[in-house]
Amino acid sequence: MSAPSIANQFSNISCHPHPLPLLDDQFVDMAFITRLTGLSDKWFYKLIQDGQFPKPIKFGRSSRWLKSEVEAWIQARIQASRMD
């Protein structure tokens, strides 16, 4: 699947159909995301720059992501890979 198609799929998941109440979600850091996926932080920051991964939520100098958004992004990648 081409990069624009993946970007289009990502834009659809930003409005998660069943969003978790914020208190039921978790904030995760880049170390969590890289351990979860086995991919580098540089790769994720490139995806963020290209609009293909959720932008971080800033807490001062710290960056965090909602775990539900990371999981939705992974699910979209899995679905996209199954469509090829």
N, C-alpha and C. Protein backbone atom coordinates (compact mmCIF):
# COMPACT_ATOMS: atom_id res chain seq x y z
N MET A 1 0.85 -1.17 0.00
CA MET A 1 0.00 0.00 0.00
C MET A 1 0.90 1.23 0.00
N SER A 2 0.54 2.23 -0.73
CA SER A 2 1.36 3.43 -0.85
C SER A 2 1.25 4.29 0.41
N ALA A 3 2.24 5.16 0.60
CA ALA A 3 2.28 6.03 1.78
C ALA A 3 1.05 6.93 1.88
N PRO A 4 0.58 7.55 0.77
CA PRO A 4 -0.61 8.40 0.91
C PRO A 4 -1.83 7.63 1.40
N SER A 5 -1.97 6.37 0.98
CA SER A 5 -3.11 5.58 1.44
C SER A 5 -3.03 5.34 2.93
N ILE A 6 -1.84 5.05 3.43
CA ILE A 6 -1.67 4.84 4.87
C ILE A 6 -1.96 6.13 5.60
N ALA A 7 -1.50 7.26 5.06
CA ALA A 7 -1.78 8.55 5.69
C ALA A 7 -3.29 8.80 5.73
N ASN A 8 -3.99 8.45 4.65
CA ASN A 8 -5.44 8.63 4.63
C ASN A 8 -6.11 7.75 5.68
N GLN A 9 -5.62 6.52 5.84
CA GLN A 9 -6.18 5.65 6.86
C GLN A 9 -5.92 6.22 8.24
N PHE A 10 -4.74 6.80 8.44
CA PHE A 10 -4.41 7.37 9.75
C PHE A 10 -5.35 8.52 10.05
N SER A 11 -5.67 9.35 9.06
CA SER A 11 -6.55 10.48 9.32
C SER A 11 -7.93 10.00 9.75
N ASN A 12 -8.34 8.81 9.31
CA ASN A 12 -9.63 8.27 9.71
C ASN A 12 -9.63 7.77 11.15
N ILE A 13 -8.47 7.36 11.68
CA ILE A 13 -8.46 6.82 13.03
C ILE A 13 -8.29 7.89 14.09
N SER A 14 -7.99 9.13 13.70
CA SER A 14 -7.84 10.17 14.70
C SER A 14 -9.15 10.41 15.44
N CYS A 15 -10.27 10.12 14.81
CA CYS A 15 -11.57 10.18 15.46
C CYS A 15 -11.97 8.74 15.78
N HIS A 16 -11.33 8.17 16.79
CA HIS A 16 -11.56 6.78 17.17
C HIS A 16 -13.05 6.57 17.38
N PRO A 17 -13.64 5.51 16.80
CA PRO A 17 -15.09 5.32 16.89
C PRO A 17 -15.60 5.13 18.31
N HIS A 18 -14.79 4.57 19.19
CA HIS A 18 -15.19 4.38 20.57
C HIS A 18 -14.08 4.92 21.47
N PRO A 19 -13.97 6.26 21.56
CA PRO A 19 -12.87 6.81 22.35
C PRO A 19 -13.00 6.43 23.82
N LEU A 20 -11.87 6.13 24.42
CA LEU A 20 -11.86 5.83 25.84
C LEU A 20 -12.01 7.12 26.62
N PRO A 21 -12.74 7.07 27.73
CA PRO A 21 -12.70 8.25 28.61
C PRO A 21 -11.25 8.49 29.01
N LEU A 22 -10.85 9.72 29.08
CA LEU A 22 -9.45 10.05 29.32
C LEU A 22 -8.88 9.34 30.55
N LEU A 23 -9.67 9.22 31.60
CA LEU A 23 -9.18 8.57 32.81
C LEU A 23 -8.96 7.06 32.63
N ASP A 24 -9.58 6.47 31.60
CA ASP A 24 -9.38 5.05 31.33
C ASP A 24 -8.24 4.80 30.34
N ASP A 25 -7.68 5.86 29.79
CA ASP A 25 -6.57 5.75 28.84
C ASP A 25 -5.27 5.94 29.61
N GLN A 26 -4.15 5.76 28.93
CA GLN A 26 -2.84 5.97 29.54
C GLN A 26 -2.00 6.84 28.63
N PHE A 27 -1.11 7.62 29.23
CA PHE A 27 -0.09 8.33 28.47
C PHE A 27 1.14 7.45 28.41
N VAL A 28 1.70 7.30 27.21
CA VAL A 28 2.90 6.50 27.03
C VAL A 28 3.99 7.36 26.41
N ASP A 29 5.23 7.00 26.67
CA ASP A 29 6.35 7.76 26.11
C ASP A 29 6.93 7.03 24.90
N MET A 30 7.92 7.67 24.26
CA MET A 30 8.51 7.09 23.06
C MET A 30 9.21 5.77 23.38
N ALA A 31 9.80 5.65 24.56
CA ALA A 31 10.46 4.39 24.93
C ALA A 31 9.45 3.24 24.91
N PHE A 32 8.24 3.47 25.41
CA PHE A 32 7.19 2.46 25.37
C PHE A 32 6.85 2.09 23.93
N ILE A 33 6.70 3.11 23.08
CA ILE A 33 6.31 2.87 21.68
C ILE A 33 7.40 2.09 20.94
N THR A 34 8.66 2.44 21.17
CA THR A 34 9.74 1.73 20.47
C THR A 34 9.88 0.30 20.98
N ARG A 35 9.68 0.08 22.28
CA ARG A 35 9.71 -1.30 22.81
C ARG A 35 8.56 -2.12 22.24
N LEU A 36 7.39 -1.50 22.17
CA LEU A 36 6.20 -2.19 21.67
C LEU A 36 6.35 -2.62 20.22
N THR A 37 6.92 -1.74 19.40
CA THR A 37 6.98 -2.00 17.96
C THR A 37 8.32 -2.54 17.47
N GLY A 38 9.39 -2.29 18.22
CA GLY A 38 10.72 -2.68 17.76
C GLY A 38 11.28 -1.73 16.72
N LEU A 39 10.63 -0.59 16.53
CA LEU A 39 11.07 0.41 15.55
C LEU A 39 11.74 1.58 16.27
N SER A 40 12.55 2.34 15.54
CA SER A 40 13.33 3.41 16.17
C SER A 40 12.50 4.67 16.39
N ASP A 41 12.96 5.47 17.36
CA ASP A 41 12.30 6.74 17.62
C ASP A 41 12.45 7.68 16.42
N LYS A 42 13.59 7.62 15.73
CA LYS A 42 13.77 8.47 14.54
C LYS A 42 12.72 8.17 13.49
N TRP A 43 12.38 6.90 13.32
CA TRP A 43 11.37 6.51 12.34
C TRP A 43 10.02 7.11 12.72
N PHE A 44 9.68 7.04 14.01
CA PHE A 44 8.40 7.60 14.46
C PHE A 44 8.36 9.11 14.31
N TYR A 45 9.46 9.80 14.63
CA TYR A 45 9.47 11.26 14.48
C TYR A 45 9.34 11.66 13.01
N LYS A 46 9.87 10.84 12.10
CA LYS A 46 9.69 11.10 10.67
C LYS A 46 8.21 10.92 10.30
N LEU A 47 7.57 9.87 10.82
CA LEU A 47 6.15 9.67 10.56
C LEU A 47 5.31 10.82 11.10
N ILE A 48 5.66 11.31 12.28
CA ILE A 48 4.95 12.46 12.86
C ILE A 48 5.08 13.66 11.93
N GLN A 49 6.29 13.91 11.47
CA GLN A 49 6.55 15.04 10.57
C GLN A 49 5.74 14.90 9.29
N ASP A 50 5.57 13.67 8.81
CA ASP A 50 4.82 13.42 7.58
C ASP A 50 3.31 13.30 7.81
N GLY A 51 2.87 13.46 9.06
CA GLY A 51 1.44 13.38 9.36
C GLY A 51 0.90 11.96 9.36
N GLN A 52 1.76 10.96 9.56
CA GLN A 52 1.34 9.57 9.51
C GLN A 52 1.34 8.88 10.88
N PHE A 53 1.62 9.63 11.93
CA PHE A 53 1.58 9.11 13.30
C PHE A 53 1.10 10.26 14.18
N PRO A 54 0.36 9.95 15.25
CA PRO A 54 -0.18 11.03 16.10
C PRO A 54 0.91 11.96 16.63
N LYS A 55 0.60 13.24 16.65
CA LYS A 55 1.52 14.21 17.25
C LYS A 55 1.54 14.00 18.76
N PRO A 56 2.67 14.28 19.38
CA PRO A 56 2.75 14.09 20.83
C PRO A 56 1.97 15.15 21.59
N ILE A 57 1.60 14.78 22.80
CA ILE A 57 1.01 15.71 23.75
C ILE A 57 2.16 16.19 24.61
N LYS A 58 2.37 17.48 24.68
CA LYS A 58 3.52 18.02 25.40
C LYS A 58 3.16 18.34 26.84
N PHE A 59 4.02 17.89 27.73
CA PHE A 59 3.96 18.23 29.14
C PHE A 59 5.31 18.86 29.46
N GLY A 60 5.40 20.16 29.31
CA GLY A 60 6.69 20.83 29.44
C GLY A 60 7.59 20.35 28.30
N ARG A 61 8.73 19.78 28.64
CA ARG A 61 9.64 19.25 27.61
C ARG A 61 9.39 17.78 27.31
N SER A 62 8.48 17.16 28.04
CA SER A 62 8.17 15.74 27.84
C SER A 62 7.09 15.56 26.78
N SER A 63 7.24 14.52 25.99
CA SER A 63 6.25 14.17 24.98
C SER A 63 5.60 12.85 25.37
N ARG A 64 4.28 12.82 25.28
CA ARG A 64 3.53 11.59 25.57
C ARG A 64 2.46 11.42 24.51
N TRP A 65 2.02 10.17 24.35
CA TRP A 65 0.96 9.83 23.41
C TRP A 65 -0.10 9.07 24.17
N LEU A 66 -1.35 9.18 23.72
CA LEU A 66 -2.41 8.36 24.29
C LEU A 66 -2.23 6.94 23.78
N LYS A 67 -2.22 6.00 24.70
CA LYS A 67 -2.03 4.59 24.34
C LYS A 67 -3.09 4.14 23.33
N SER A 68 -4.32 4.61 23.48
CA SER A 68 -5.39 4.24 22.56
C SER A 68 -5.09 4.70 21.14
N GLU A 69 -4.47 5.88 20.97
CA GLU A 69 -4.13 6.36 19.62
C GLU A 69 -3.00 5.54 19.02
N VAL A 70 -2.03 5.14 19.85
CA VAL A 70 -0.93 4.29 19.36
C VAL A 70 -1.49 2.94 18.93
N GLU A 71 -2.37 2.37 19.75
CA GLU A 71 -2.98 1.08 19.41
C GLU A 71 -3.81 1.18 18.14
N ALA A 72 -4.55 2.26 17.97
CA ALA A 72 -5.35 2.45 16.75
C ALA A 72 -4.45 2.56 15.53
N TRP A 73 -3.31 3.25 15.67
CA TRP A 73 -2.36 3.37 14.56
C TRP A 73 -1.81 1.99 14.19
N ILE A 74 -1.46 1.19 15.20
CA ILE A 74 -0.94 -0.16 14.94
C ILE A 74 -2.01 -1.00 14.24
N GLN A 75 -3.25 -0.94 14.72
CA GLN A 75 -4.34 -1.69 14.08
C GLN A 75 -4.52 -1.28 12.62
N ALA A 76 -4.42 0.02 12.33
CA ALA A 76 -4.55 0.49 10.95
C ALA A 76 -3.42 -0.06 10.09
N ARG A 77 -2.19 -0.12 10.63
CA ARG A 77 -1.06 -0.69 9.90
C ARG A 77 -1.28 -2.17 9.62
N ILE A 78 -1.81 -2.89 10.61
CA ILE A 78 -2.09 -4.31 10.42
C ILE A 78 -3.12 -4.49 9.31
N GLN A 79 -4.21 -3.72 9.38
CA GLN A 79 -5.26 -3.83 8.36
C GLN A 79 -4.71 -3.48 6.98
N ALA A 80 -3.89 -2.43 6.90
CA ALA A 80 -3.33 -2.02 5.60
C ALA A 80 -2.44 -3.12 5.04
N SER A 81 -1.68 -3.79 5.89
CA SER A 81 -0.79 -4.84 5.41
C SER A 81 -1.56 -6.07 4.95
N ARG A 82 -2.73 -6.28 5.50
CA ARG A 82 -3.56 -7.43 5.11
C ARG A 82 -4.28 -7.19 3.78
N MET A 83 -4.42 -5.92 3.40
CA MET A 83 -5.12 -5.57 2.17
C MET A 83 -4.24 -5.71 0.93
N ASP A 84 -2.92 -5.75 1.13
CA ASP A 84 -1.99 -5.83 -0.02
C ASP A 84 -2.11 -7.13 -0.76
